[in-house]
Protein backbone atom coordinates (compact mmCIF):
# COMPACT_ATOMS: atom_id res chain seq x y z
CA UNK A 1 109.10 106.95 107.38
CA UNK A 2 109.93 107.70 111.01
CA UNK A 3 108.50 105.10 114.18
CA UNK A 4 105.32 105.79 115.01
CA UNK A 5 104.89 106.75 118.96
CA UNK A 6 101.55 106.06 120.09
CA UNK A 7 102.33 106.44 124.10
CA UNK A 8 101.02 109.62 124.22
CA UNK A 9 98.18 109.70 121.77
CA UNK A 10 96.63 106.46 122.22
CA UNK A 11 97.03 106.86 126.04
CA UNK A 12 94.93 110.01 126.27
CA UNK A 13 92.21 109.33 123.64
CA UNK A 14 91.06 105.76 125.36
CA UNK A 15 91.01 107.69 128.58
CA UNK A 16 88.19 110.01 127.09
CA UNK A 17 86.58 106.72 125.79
CA UNK A 18 85.69 105.68 129.12
CA UNK A 19 84.86 109.18 130.69
CA UNK A 20 81.45 108.82 130.15
CA UNK A 21 81.59 105.56 132.58
CA UNK A 22 83.23 107.67 135.47
CA UNK A 23 80.74 110.07 134.83
CA UNK A 24 77.91 107.93 135.35
CA UNK A 25 79.45 106.56 138.32
CA UNK A 26 79.37 109.98 139.80
CA UNK A 27 76.00 110.66 139.05
CA UNK A 28 74.83 107.30 140.84
CA UNK A 29 76.74 108.72 143.61
CA UNK A 30 75.37 111.97 143.67
CA UNK A 31 71.79 110.58 143.82
CA UNK A 32 72.51 107.76 146.50
CA UNK A 33 74.01 111.02 148.50
CA UNK A 34 71.00 112.88 148.54
CA UNK A 35 68.83 110.04 149.35
CA UNK A 36 70.91 109.19 152.49
CA UNK A 37 71.20 112.89 153.59
CA UNK A 38 67.18 113.26 153.42
CA UNK A 39 66.83 109.75 155.45
CA UNK A 40 69.34 111.18 157.90
CA UNK A 41 67.89 114.67 158.51
CA UNK A 42 64.27 113.17 158.58
CA UNK A 43 65.52 111.28 161.85
CA UNK A 44 67.03 114.75 163.45
CA UNK A 45 70.53 113.06 163.64
CA UNK A 46 72.42 115.98 162.45
CA UNK A 47 71.67 119.67 161.43
CA UNK A 48 71.21 120.16 157.87
CA UNK A 49 74.22 122.41 157.77
CA UNK A 50 76.54 120.09 159.69
CA UNK A 51 75.26 117.18 157.76
CA UNK A 52 75.91 119.11 154.27
CA UNK A 53 79.47 120.33 155.31
CA UNK A 54 80.79 116.57 156.53
CA UNK A 55 78.70 114.88 153.78
CA UNK A 56 80.21 117.29 150.61
CA UNK A 57 83.89 116.77 152.28
CA UNK A 58 83.45 112.87 152.40
CA UNK A 59 81.76 112.46 149.29
CA UNK A 60 84.05 114.69 147.50
CA UNK A 61 87.16 112.51 148.75
CA UNK A 62 85.21 109.38 147.64
CA UNK A 63 84.58 110.53 144.15
CA UNK A 64 88.07 111.92 143.37
CA UNK A 65 89.41 108.24 144.84
CA UNK A 66 86.91 106.41 142.39
CA UNK A 67 87.64 108.73 139.38
CA UNK A 68 91.42 108.53 139.88
CA UNK A 69 90.84 104.57 140.34
CA UNK A 70 88.94 104.40 137.12
CA UNK A 71 91.07 106.65 135.18
CA UNK A 72 94.50 104.80 136.54
CA UNK A 73 92.43 101.04 135.37
CA UNK A 74 91.24 102.66 131.77
CA UNK A 75 94.64 104.25 131.46
CA UNK A 76 96.10 100.92 131.78
CA UNK A 77 93.69 99.10 129.48
CA UNK A 78 94.61 102.11 127.13
CA UNK A 79 98.28 101.31 127.10
CA UNK A 80 97.75 97.93 126.26
CA UNK A 81 95.59 98.76 123.41
CA UNK A 82 97.92 101.15 122.45
CA UNK A 83 100.93 98.51 122.37
CA UNK A 84 98.70 96.34 120.57
CA UNK A 85 97.85 98.83 117.72
CA UNK A 86 101.97 99.57 117.73
CA UNK A 87 102.61 96.26 117.24
CA UNK A 88 99.94 95.60 114.80
CA UNK A 89 101.82 98.37 112.95
CA UNK A 90 105.11 96.58 113.19
CA UNK A 91 103.78 93.66 111.51
CA UNK A 92 102.58 95.56 108.60
CA UNK A 93 106.06 96.92 108.45
CA UNK A 94 107.49 93.42 108.64
CA UNK A 95 105.05 92.16 105.75
CA UNK A 96 106.29 94.96 103.69
CA UNK A 97 109.82 93.97 104.16
CA UNK A 98 108.75 90.32 103.13
CA UNK A 99 107.41 91.59 100.09
CA UNK A 100 110.72 93.57 99.37
CA UNK A 101 112.89 90.49 99.93
CA UNK A 102 110.45 88.32 97.85
CA UNK A 103 111.12 90.67 95.06
CA UNK A 104 114.99 90.62 95.76
CA UNK A 105 114.87 86.65 95.79
CA UNK A 106 113.07 86.46 92.27
CA UNK A 107 115.57 89.43 90.93
CA UNK A 108 118.85 86.95 92.22
CA UNK A 109 117.22 83.92 91.09
CA UNK A 110 116.97 85.25 87.74
CA UNK A 111 120.62 86.46 87.74
CA UNK A 112 121.85 83.14 88.62
CA UNK A 113 119.47 81.45 86.04
CA UNK A 114 121.07 84.07 83.29
CA UNK A 115 124.40 82.84 84.48
CA UNK A 116 124.04 79.16 84.35
CA UNK A 117 122.44 79.43 81.12
CA UNK A 118 125.36 81.40 79.85
CA UNK A 119 127.61 78.92 81.35
CA UNK A 120 125.95 75.99 79.96
CA UNK A 121 125.80 77.64 75.97
CA UNK A 122 129.59 78.20 76.75
CA UNK A 123 130.27 74.67 77.21
CA UNK A 124 128.20 73.65 74.41
CA UNK A 125 129.89 75.92 72.34
CA UNK A 126 133.26 74.56 73.33
CA UNK A 127 132.07 71.19 72.83
CA UNK A 128 131.03 71.78 69.22
CA UNK A 129 134.34 73.68 68.59
CA UNK A 130 136.19 70.18 70.09
CA UNK A 131 133.97 68.21 67.75
CA UNK A 132 134.86 70.53 64.62
CA UNK A 133 138.63 70.47 65.66
CA UNK A 134 138.75 66.66 66.21
CA UNK A 135 136.62 66.14 62.59
CA UNK A 136 139.43 68.82 60.97
CA UNK A 137 142.27 66.82 62.42
CA UNK A 138 141.16 63.27 61.21
CA UNK A 139 140.33 64.56 57.67
CA UNK A 140 144.22 66.02 57.48
CA UNK A 141 145.21 62.48 58.61
CA UNK A 142 143.39 61.11 56.02
CA UNK A 143 144.44 63.05 53.17
CA UNK A 144 148.20 62.54 54.54
CA UNK A 145 147.73 58.93 54.80
CA UNK A 146 146.46 58.52 50.96
CA UNK A 147 149.36 61.03 50.11
CA UNK A 148 151.65 58.65 51.76
CA UNK A 149 149.81 55.37 50.30
CA UNK A 150 150.65 57.04 46.52
CA UNK A 151 154.42 57.57 47.54
CA UNK A 152 155.09 53.95 49.46
CA UNK A 153 152.84 51.54 47.49
CA UNK A 154 150.58 48.95 47.98
CA UNK A 155 152.32 47.71 51.31
CA UNK A 156 151.61 50.83 53.00
CA UNK A 157 147.93 51.25 51.63
CA UNK A 158 146.79 48.77 54.18
CA UNK A 159 148.58 50.53 57.24
CA UNK A 160 146.99 53.77 56.00
CA UNK A 161 143.77 51.93 55.55
CA UNK A 162 143.96 51.02 59.11
CA UNK A 163 145.02 54.41 59.95
CA UNK A 164 142.01 55.52 58.16
CA UNK A 165 139.41 53.59 60.26
CA UNK A 166 141.12 54.21 63.63
CA UNK A 167 140.58 58.03 62.79
CA UNK A 168 137.42 57.52 61.44
CA UNK A 169 136.54 55.72 64.89
CA UNK A 170 138.06 58.76 66.76
CA UNK A 171 135.71 61.11 64.47
CA UNK A 172 132.43 59.00 65.91
CA UNK A 173 133.54 58.97 69.23
CA UNK A 174 134.03 63.08 69.38
CA UNK A 175 130.54 63.09 67.70
CA UNK A 176 129.05 61.08 70.47
CA UNK A 177 130.86 63.10 72.83
CA UNK A 178 129.89 66.37 71.63
CA UNK A 179 126.11 65.32 71.57
CA UNK A 180 126.25 64.07 74.75
CA UNK A 181 127.73 67.57 75.88
CA UNK A 182 125.20 69.16 74.23
CA UNK A 183 122.48 67.07 75.58
CA UNK A 184 123.87 67.65 79.23
CA UNK A 185 124.21 71.41 78.46
CA UNK A 186 120.59 71.61 77.24
CA UNK A 187 119.29 69.80 79.89
CA UNK A 188 120.69 71.85 82.37
CA UNK A 189 119.33 74.85 80.54
CA UNK A 190 115.80 73.35 80.82
CA UNK A 191 115.99 72.36 84.40
CA UNK A 192 117.67 75.90 85.53
CA UNK A 193 114.77 77.70 83.70
CA UNK A 194 112.20 75.53 85.30
CA UNK A 195 113.99 76.36 88.80
CA UNK A 196 113.54 79.90 88.12
CA UNK A 197 109.99 79.95 86.96
CA UNK A 198 109.18 77.92 90.05
CA UNK A 199 110.92 80.15 92.17
CA UNK A 200 109.35 83.47 90.58
CA UNK A 201 105.95 81.91 90.99
CA UNK A 202 106.56 81.12 94.60
CA UNK A 203 107.98 84.71 95.26
CA UNK A 204 105.00 86.17 93.23
CA UNK A 205 102.71 84.30 95.74
CA UNK A 206 104.94 85.31 98.80
CA UNK A 207 104.18 88.96 97.40
CA UNK A 208 100.75 88.95 97.16
CA UNK A 209 99.93 87.09 100.31
CA UNK A 210 102.35 89.70 102.01
CA UNK A 211 100.07 92.30 100.08
CA UNK A 212 96.79 90.89 100.90
CA UNK A 213 98.38 90.88 104.74
CA UNK A 214 99.01 94.43 104.32
CA UNK A 215 95.68 95.67 103.37
CA UNK A 216 94.21 93.44 106.32
CA UNK A 217 96.29 95.60 108.51
CA UNK A 218 95.17 98.89 106.86
CA UNK A 219 91.72 97.69 107.53
CA UNK A 220 92.31 97.60 111.13
CA UNK A 221 93.91 100.72 111.54
CA UNK A 222 90.74 102.44 109.77
CA UNK A 223 88.43 100.62 112.05
CA UNK A 224 90.28 102.40 114.68
CA UNK A 225 89.83 105.41 113.54
CA UNK A 226 86.11 105.23 113.07
CA UNK A 227 85.98 103.87 116.48
CA UNK A 228 87.73 107.17 117.78
CA UNK A 229 85.37 109.14 115.94
CA UNK A 230 82.32 107.53 117.41
CA UNK A 231 84.34 107.79 120.86
CA UNK A 232 84.36 111.41 120.94
CA UNK A 233 80.78 111.66 119.87
CA UNK A 234 79.70 109.73 122.91
CA UNK A 235 81.75 111.74 125.05
CA UNK A 236 80.35 114.94 124.11
CA UNK A 237 76.91 113.29 124.25
CA UNK A 238 77.65 111.92 127.69
CA UNK A 239 79.21 115.34 128.70
CA UNK A 240 75.90 116.90 128.01
CA UNK A 241 74.27 114.25 130.08
CA UNK A 242 76.40 114.44 133.03
CA UNK A 243 76.30 118.64 133.41
CA UNK A 244 72.17 118.39 133.49
CA UNK A 245 72.27 115.79 135.77
CA UNK A 246 74.54 117.35 138.25
CA UNK A 247 72.91 121.10 138.02
CA UNK A 248 71.50 121.09 140.87
CA UNK A 249 74.44 119.48 142.78
CA UNK A 250 77.51 122.48 143.11
CA UNK A 251 79.20 120.09 145.60
CA UNK A 252 80.45 118.06 142.57
CA UNK A 253 81.90 120.96 140.46
CA UNK A 254 85.39 119.87 141.27
CA UNK A 255 84.62 116.38 139.60
CA UNK A 256 83.33 118.22 136.91
CA UNK A 257 86.30 120.31 136.50
CA UNK A 258 88.42 117.40 136.71
CA UNK A 259 86.45 115.35 133.74
CA UNK A 260 86.64 118.58 131.46
CA UNK A 261 90.30 118.98 132.16
CA UNK A 262 90.54 115.39 130.80
CA UNK A 263 88.48 116.25 127.67
CA UNK A 264 90.41 119.27 127.03
CA UNK A 265 93.72 117.23 127.28
CA UNK A 266 93.10 115.97 124.18
CA UNK A 267 90.64 118.33 122.08
CA UNK A 268 92.71 121.08 122.87
CA UNK A 269 95.87 119.47 121.84
CA UNK A 270 97.51 119.12 118.18
CA UNK A 271 95.74 115.78 118.03
CA UNK A 272 92.31 117.38 118.33
CA UNK A 273 92.74 117.49 114.46
CA UNK A 274 91.89 113.98 113.92
CA UNK A 275 88.55 114.78 115.26
CA UNK A 276 87.89 117.73 113.15
CA UNK A 277 85.60 116.10 110.52
CA UNK A 278 82.51 116.18 112.36
CA UNK A 279 80.72 119.35 112.28
CA UNK A 280 80.23 120.35 116.18
CA UNK A 281 77.71 123.25 115.57
CA UNK A 282 79.60 125.84 113.50
CA UNK A 283 78.38 124.06 110.22
CA UNK A 284 81.81 123.87 109.14
CA UNK A 285 84.15 120.99 108.77
CA UNK A 286 87.32 120.37 107.99
CA UNK A 287 86.36 118.41 104.60
CA UNK A 288 84.55 121.65 103.55
CA UNK A 289 87.19 123.64 104.20
CA UNK A 290 89.89 121.70 102.43
CA UNK A 291 87.73 121.14 99.36
CA UNK A 292 87.18 125.42 99.66
CA UNK A 293 91.05 125.61 99.35
CA UNK A 294 91.52 123.24 96.60
CA UNK A 295 88.96 125.28 94.78
CA UNK A 296 91.10 128.26 95.57
CA UNK A 297 94.19 126.83 94.13
CA UNK A 298 92.79 125.58 91.21
CA UNK A 299 90.82 128.84 90.44
CA UNK A 300 94.14 130.54 90.70
CA UNK A 301 95.95 128.55 88.11
CA UNK A 302 92.85 128.97 85.83
CA UNK A 303 93.03 132.66 86.43
CA UNK A 304 96.61 132.68 85.37
CA UNK A 305 95.65 130.72 82.07
CA UNK A 306 92.81 133.28 81.45
CA UNK A 307 95.03 136.40 81.76
CA UNK A 308 97.85 135.05 79.95
CA UNK A 309 96.74 134.29 76.17
CA UNK A 310 99.14 131.34 74.82
CA UNK A 311 99.46 128.89 72.07
CA UNK A 312 101.03 126.26 74.15
CA UNK A 313 100.94 125.38 77.77
CA UNK A 314 103.38 123.54 79.80
CA UNK A 315 102.80 122.75 83.31
CA UNK A 316 105.27 120.95 86.12
CA UNK A 317 105.49 120.93 89.79
CA UNK A 318 103.39 119.27 92.97
CA UNK A 319 101.58 120.82 96.02
CA UNK A 320 102.09 120.15 99.35
CA UNK A 321 100.24 117.22 100.60
CA UNK A 322 97.64 117.80 102.91
CA UNK A 323 98.87 115.69 105.85
CA UNK A 324 102.13 117.83 106.12
CA UNK A 325 99.96 121.08 105.77
CA UNK A 326 97.33 119.68 108.77
CA UNK A 327 100.33 118.70 110.98
CA UNK A 328 101.85 122.13 110.27
CA UNK A 329 98.38 123.83 111.17
CA UNK A 330 97.78 121.78 114.25
CA UNK A 331 101.05 122.14 116.07
CA UNK A 332 101.36 125.89 115.42
CA UNK A 333 97.34 126.71 116.56
CA UNK A 334 97.36 124.72 119.66
CA UNK A 335 101.06 126.38 120.77
CA UNK A 336 100.46 129.46 119.84
CA UNK A 337 101.89 131.82 123.28
CA UNK A 338 99.77 134.71 122.19
CA UNK A 339 96.54 132.83 120.89
CA UNK A 340 96.45 129.15 121.46
CA UNK A 341 93.08 127.28 120.19
CA UNK A 342 92.03 123.82 119.96
CA UNK A 343 91.57 122.49 116.50
CA UNK A 344 88.83 119.71 116.89
CA UNK A 345 86.42 122.55 115.77
CA UNK A 346 86.52 124.82 112.62
CA UNK A 347 85.46 128.61 112.80
CA UNK A 348 86.20 131.28 110.10
CA UNK A 349 89.21 132.29 111.92
CA UNK A 350 90.89 128.88 111.83
CA UNK A 351 89.59 128.54 108.15
CA UNK A 352 91.76 131.66 107.38
CA UNK A 353 94.60 130.44 109.43
CA UNK A 354 94.75 127.22 107.59
CA UNK A 355 94.31 129.04 104.43
CA UNK A 356 97.29 131.12 105.01
CA UNK A 357 99.28 128.25 105.88
CA UNK A 358 98.62 126.66 102.86
CA UNK A 359 99.46 129.23 100.78
CA UNK A 360 102.61 129.67 102.67
CA UNK A 361 103.89 126.04 101.97
CA UNK A 362 102.73 126.55 98.35
CA UNK A 363 103.53 128.98 95.44
CA UNK A 364 102.27 129.23 91.98
CA UNK A 365 104.65 131.00 89.63
CA UNK A 366 104.17 131.39 85.96
CA UNK A 367 106.26 133.13 83.02
CA UNK A 368 105.47 133.44 79.07
CA UNK A 369 108.06 132.95 75.96
CA UNK A 370 107.42 134.54 72.69
CA UNK A 371 109.25 133.17 69.34
CA UNK A 372 108.77 134.30 65.86
CA UNK A 373 109.15 131.81 63.04
CA UNK A 374 109.16 132.31 59.30
CA UNK A 375 106.30 129.69 58.01
CA UNK A 376 105.16 129.29 54.42
CA UNK A 377 101.63 130.07 53.64
CA UNK A 378 99.92 128.87 50.39
CA UNK A 379 97.14 130.79 48.75
CA UNK A 380 95.36 130.43 45.38
CA UNK A 381 95.48 133.20 42.82
CA UNK A 382 91.93 132.61 41.56
CA UNK A 383 93.37 131.21 38.13
CA UNK A 384 94.25 127.56 39.58
CA UNK A 385 97.93 128.87 40.25
CA UNK A 386 99.05 128.02 44.10
CA UNK A 387 101.24 130.92 45.47
CA UNK A 388 103.60 130.96 48.39
CA UNK A 389 104.37 133.47 50.42
CA UNK A 390 106.63 133.72 53.48
CA UNK A 391 105.04 135.04 56.84
CA UNK A 392 106.53 135.95 60.43
CA UNK A 393 104.42 133.92 62.78
CA UNK A 394 104.47 134.33 66.53
CA UNK A 395 103.99 131.46 68.97
CA UNK A 396 103.66 132.20 72.73
CA UNK A 397 104.03 129.42 75.18
CA UNK A 398 102.79 129.80 78.95
CA UNK A 399 104.67 127.88 81.73
CA UNK A 400 103.35 127.21 84.90
CA UNK A 401 105.29 126.04 87.76
CA UNK A 402 103.85 124.88 91.24
CA UNK A 403 106.65 124.82 94.11
CA UNK A 404 105.88 123.48 97.73
CA UNK A 405 107.70 123.63 101.14
CA UNK A 406 107.60 120.29 103.59
CA UNK A 407 106.58 120.26 106.89
CA UNK A 408 110.47 120.21 108.25
CA UNK A 409 110.71 123.74 106.03
CA UNK A 410 107.68 125.15 107.53
CA UNK A 411 108.94 124.10 111.49
CA UNK A 412 112.15 125.89 110.74
CA UNK A 413 110.53 129.06 109.36
CA UNK A 414 108.13 129.00 112.37
CA UNK A 415 111.00 128.32 114.84
CA UNK A 416 109.13 125.34 116.17
CA UNK A 417 110.74 124.44 119.59
CA UNK A 418 111.92 120.62 120.67
CA UNK A 419 108.34 120.16 121.98
CA UNK A 420 106.39 121.41 119.00
CA UNK A 421 108.62 119.35 116.73
CA UNK A 422 108.49 116.24 118.77
CA UNK A 423 104.26 116.93 118.63
CA UNK A 424 104.78 117.57 114.76
CA UNK A 425 106.62 114.25 114.49
CA UNK A 426 103.94 112.33 116.08
CA UNK A 427 101.24 113.73 113.92
CA UNK A 428 103.15 112.81 110.56
CA UNK A 429 103.78 109.48 112.07
CA UNK A 430 99.93 108.90 112.07
CA UNK A 431 98.37 106.20 109.89
CA UNK A 432 97.27 107.62 106.50
CA UNK A 433 94.03 106.26 106.91
CA UNK A 434 93.49 108.52 109.75
CA UNK A 435 93.96 111.81 107.79
CA UNK A 436 92.04 110.34 104.69
CA UNK A 437 89.37 110.16 107.12
CA UNK A 438 89.79 113.71 108.33
CA UNK A 439 90.22 115.14 104.81
CA UNK A 440 87.87 112.91 102.62
CA UNK A 441 85.30 111.25 104.89
CA UNK A 442 86.75 107.88 103.73
CA UNK A 443 86.82 104.89 105.97
CA UNK A 444 86.54 101.99 103.86
CA UNK A 445 89.05 100.05 102.56
CA UNK A 446 87.69 98.73 98.97
CA UNK A 447 87.82 102.09 97.40
CA UNK A 448 91.71 102.33 98.16
CA UNK A 449 92.39 103.40 94.46
CA UNK A 450 90.23 106.60 95.29
CA UNK A 451 92.44 107.24 98.59
CA UNK A 452 95.36 106.87 96.62
CA UNK A 453 94.25 109.59 94.19
CA UNK A 454 93.13 111.90 96.65
CA UNK A 455 96.29 112.22 97.60
CA UNK A 456 97.38 113.26 94.32
CA UNK A 457 95.19 116.44 94.03
CA UNK A 458 97.12 119.35 93.05
CA UNK A 459 99.84 117.65 90.96
CA UNK A 460 99.92 119.52 87.74
CA UNK A 461 101.53 118.66 84.20
CA UNK A 462 101.30 114.94 84.57
CA UNK A 463 105.22 114.08 84.51
CA UNK A 464 105.11 111.41 87.13
CA UNK A 465 102.16 109.43 85.58
CA UNK A 466 103.15 109.54 81.61
CA UNK A 467 106.96 108.77 82.59
CA UNK A 468 105.85 105.79 84.86
CA UNK A 469 103.74 104.24 81.65
CA UNK A 470 106.82 104.74 79.87
CA UNK A 471 106.49 107.74 77.65
CA UNK A 472 109.86 110.13 77.19
CA UNK A 473 107.80 112.88 76.83
CA UNK A 474 104.33 114.28 77.54
CA UNK A 475 101.17 112.61 76.41
CA UNK A 476 97.57 113.18 76.94
CA UNK A 477 97.92 111.53 80.56
CA UNK A 478 94.28 111.09 82.03
CA UNK A 479 94.33 107.05 81.68
CA UNK A 480 97.74 106.94 82.84
CA UNK A 481 97.00 108.99 85.99
CA UNK A 482 94.22 106.04 86.33
CA UNK A 483 96.59 103.31 85.50
CA UNK A 484 99.48 104.62 87.78
CA UNK A 485 96.70 104.70 90.73
CA UNK A 486 95.64 101.17 89.95
CA UNK A 487 99.38 100.03 90.25
CA UNK A 488 100.01 101.39 93.51
CA UNK A 489 96.96 99.37 94.90
CA UNK A 490 98.33 96.16 93.22
CA UNK A 491 95.37 96.19 90.98
CA UNK A 492 97.27 95.89 87.80
CA UNK A 493 99.37 93.03 88.54
CA UNK A 494 96.18 91.12 89.96
CA UNK A 495 94.46 91.65 86.67
CA UNK A 496 91.62 94.02 88.32
CA UNK A 497 92.24 97.06 86.30
CA UNK A 498 93.91 97.28 82.93
CA UNK A 499 97.20 99.43 82.19
CA UNK A 500 95.77 101.52 79.68
CA UNK A 501 97.25 104.90 77.94
CA UNK A 502 94.04 104.75 75.74
CA UNK A 503 90.68 105.56 77.07
CA UNK A 504 89.06 103.45 74.20
CA UNK A 505 91.47 100.78 75.04
CA UNK A 506 90.35 100.84 78.97
CA UNK A 507 86.59 100.76 77.69
CA UNK A 508 87.18 97.82 75.24
CA UNK A 509 88.84 96.02 78.26
CA UNK A 510 85.81 96.16 80.54
CA UNK A 511 83.29 95.77 77.97
CA UNK A 512 84.89 92.24 76.93
CA UNK A 513 84.97 91.19 80.55
CA UNK A 514 81.36 92.35 81.19
CA UNK A 515 82.30 94.66 83.77
CA UNK A 516 80.74 97.67 81.82
CA UNK A 517 77.51 100.22 82.56
CA UNK A 518 76.30 102.86 80.55
CA UNK A 519 75.51 106.29 82.28
CA UNK A 520 71.97 105.49 84.09
CA UNK A 521 73.26 103.71 86.93
CA UNK A 522 74.38 105.38 90.10
CA UNK A 523 78.09 104.43 90.64
CA UNK A 524 80.15 103.79 93.41
CA UNK A 525 83.67 104.83 95.12
CA UNK A 526 86.52 103.14 92.83
CA UNK A 527 84.54 102.59 89.48
CA UNK A 528 86.50 104.26 86.60
CA UNK A 529 84.24 106.53 84.87
CA UNK A 530 84.61 107.53 80.99
CA UNK A 531 83.51 110.47 79.14
CA UNK A 532 82.81 111.17 75.29
CA UNK A 533 82.94 115.05 75.22
CA UNK A 534 80.35 116.73 73.00
CA UNK A 535 82.07 119.49 71.67
CA UNK A 536 85.48 120.27 73.42
CA UNK A 537 88.16 120.95 70.93
CA UNK A 538 89.22 117.96 68.72
CA UNK A 539 87.75 115.36 71.01
CA UNK A 540 83.75 116.40 69.93
CA UNK A 541 81.03 116.15 68.63
CA UNK A 542 80.29 112.67 70.44
CA UNK A 543 81.28 109.77 68.46
CA UNK A 544 80.38 106.95 70.87
CA UNK A 545 84.15 106.61 71.84
CA UNK A 546 85.81 107.59 75.19
CA UNK A 547 87.80 110.71 75.09
CA UNK A 548 88.37 111.14 79.16
CA UNK A 549 88.79 109.07 82.11
CA UNK A 550 89.00 109.24 86.03
CA UNK A 551 88.05 107.57 89.15
CA UNK A 552 84.52 107.83 90.89
CA UNK A 553 85.41 109.24 94.19
CA UNK A 554 81.66 109.03 95.69
CA UNK A 555 77.85 110.04 95.14
CA UNK A 556 76.18 112.36 97.18
CA UNK A 557 72.78 113.91 96.78
CA UNK A 558 72.67 112.75 92.93
CA UNK A 559 76.17 114.07 92.02
CA UNK A 560 79.11 111.94 90.72
CA UNK A 561 82.27 113.56 92.35
CA UNK A 562 85.09 112.33 90.51
CA UNK A 563 89.09 112.26 90.88
CA UNK A 564 90.89 112.94 87.55
CA UNK A 565 94.25 113.77 85.75
CA UNK A 566 94.69 115.66 82.76
CA UNK A 567 91.90 118.19 83.70
CA UNK A 568 93.35 121.38 82.88
CA UNK A 569 96.87 119.41 82.75
CA UNK A 570 96.32 118.74 86.78
CA UNK A 571 94.97 116.26 89.23
CA UNK A 572 91.81 117.82 90.50
CA UNK A 573 88.30 117.06 91.61
CA UNK A 574 85.31 117.59 89.63
CA UNK A 575 81.41 116.69 89.53
CA UNK A 576 78.66 115.86 87.47
CA UNK A 577 75.21 114.79 87.82
CA UNK A 578 74.35 111.06 87.84
CA UNK A 579 73.40 110.33 84.32
CA UNK A 580 75.17 113.53 82.71
CA UNK A 581 75.10 113.16 78.83
CA UNK A 582 78.90 113.31 78.36
CA UNK A 583 79.22 110.23 80.64
CA UNK A 584 79.99 107.44 78.47
CA UNK A 585 79.84 104.62 81.22
CA UNK A 586 81.72 103.03 83.66
CA UNK A 587 84.20 100.06 84.20
CA UNK A 588 83.37 98.00 87.11
CA UNK A 589 86.44 96.45 88.53
CA UNK A 590 86.21 92.97 90.54
CA UNK A 591 87.81 94.63 93.87
């Protein structure tokens, strides 16, 4: 991931954050100037025209000076805050590296442990072999002595007995040595195993600590995103008040133009995309437009399926991620030499531009393959006899493939200049939480699994999810999708959400922990939703067992919005009324 550059972005936004303060000061200066002018003219010191001419000139100079001083002061503050944000990002990256280092340490320690255990086992086997060799040698010696005794007589027997006893002592010594070696090897193996387990636990604790720190940093970044949106709202309100206050004083028009230019500098740039989630009077927001385009995308897939009858369906591929689509849109729209437009607001014209860019980056292709096979069909002749008949059966498979272009490819296609590419790089380096706020209005952190799930909308076929779970070929993958999203957040490792491929297994896991609620509740983001279909293929009728699962995205006006995998063989957003009868219930993770 390229290094995040914060100099220009944060600097300009933070200047706007204080624009309302400068406006208020100008308003007060204007009021004081009018009062002073009235007093002076009442005293007859100067004529109205002379006073107006001098006062306008001097006041304009004072206001320009004050404004410049204020802007410089706030700019310095903005730069400091931007640097702090950058340092925070660097700390997050360090935490990620620490986690990776911890994992690597565990892996290396396990390898060393295996080597030590292997060496200990080898030493043990060598000791045992040495013991066996010594015993066999002694036995051969004893046999030889006995043979010699028979041939040489009683005189030699005593000598032979002595040799036998000596040999037996050697055998006992060898046995003791072997046992001691075995005990030593076993002790070494146990100590090595304990040390490995201790190191693994230490590394796991370090990894958990690193993840918690990363989550904390993520929360801070989200708070910054919310503060930016709030600042823009305050600026808009302040400007309206400022314009109303100075409507009667045309002599400050130059100052108004300065303030408006500062605002336009940000809102009119590509970074205005981060303010597009708010309705500025057009009754249209970026969230609504993205939702419409997502629905159009899904409808095209459904139309292909409806217009091409099939027996089997195979879908594969993935869609361009929205941050890249919006980055291309923001840079291209704001820098168009023929018709540059800001992207902080949304209109029908801009919606069409964004739609065109989306479909320029995404493509849905399909094909059908038909094969004919011979099958044996059995029938009854009416007299209890089974008849077999060979018939030709035709099977049709529909293949749907989604392909996409990334931001770099689109930048080349649109012949972006060096300056445009630099702006694109800045946008792509923005924190993911800012994009989630623009796309889905999500600012929280407890619903991290929702944020992960939303980034997967548009993927088809499910291969990344069922293959991650461990399946070698396609399975019904709705539960694999939920498990994959949970794993990305660390929830499986921490025992917050189970790793499950069967919906019934997931339901039982939550029920056993008293973390289950039926469909009468109003769920909250991040809950795991389970369905019991009424009459859908082989899944119905309802039997009290779950047939499908997904993740609760949000609840608005009595409607439950979800993100589900394996819905029409794709990742998509769905919605149901609260209490909908096919909702079996909800698993409630302890986030």
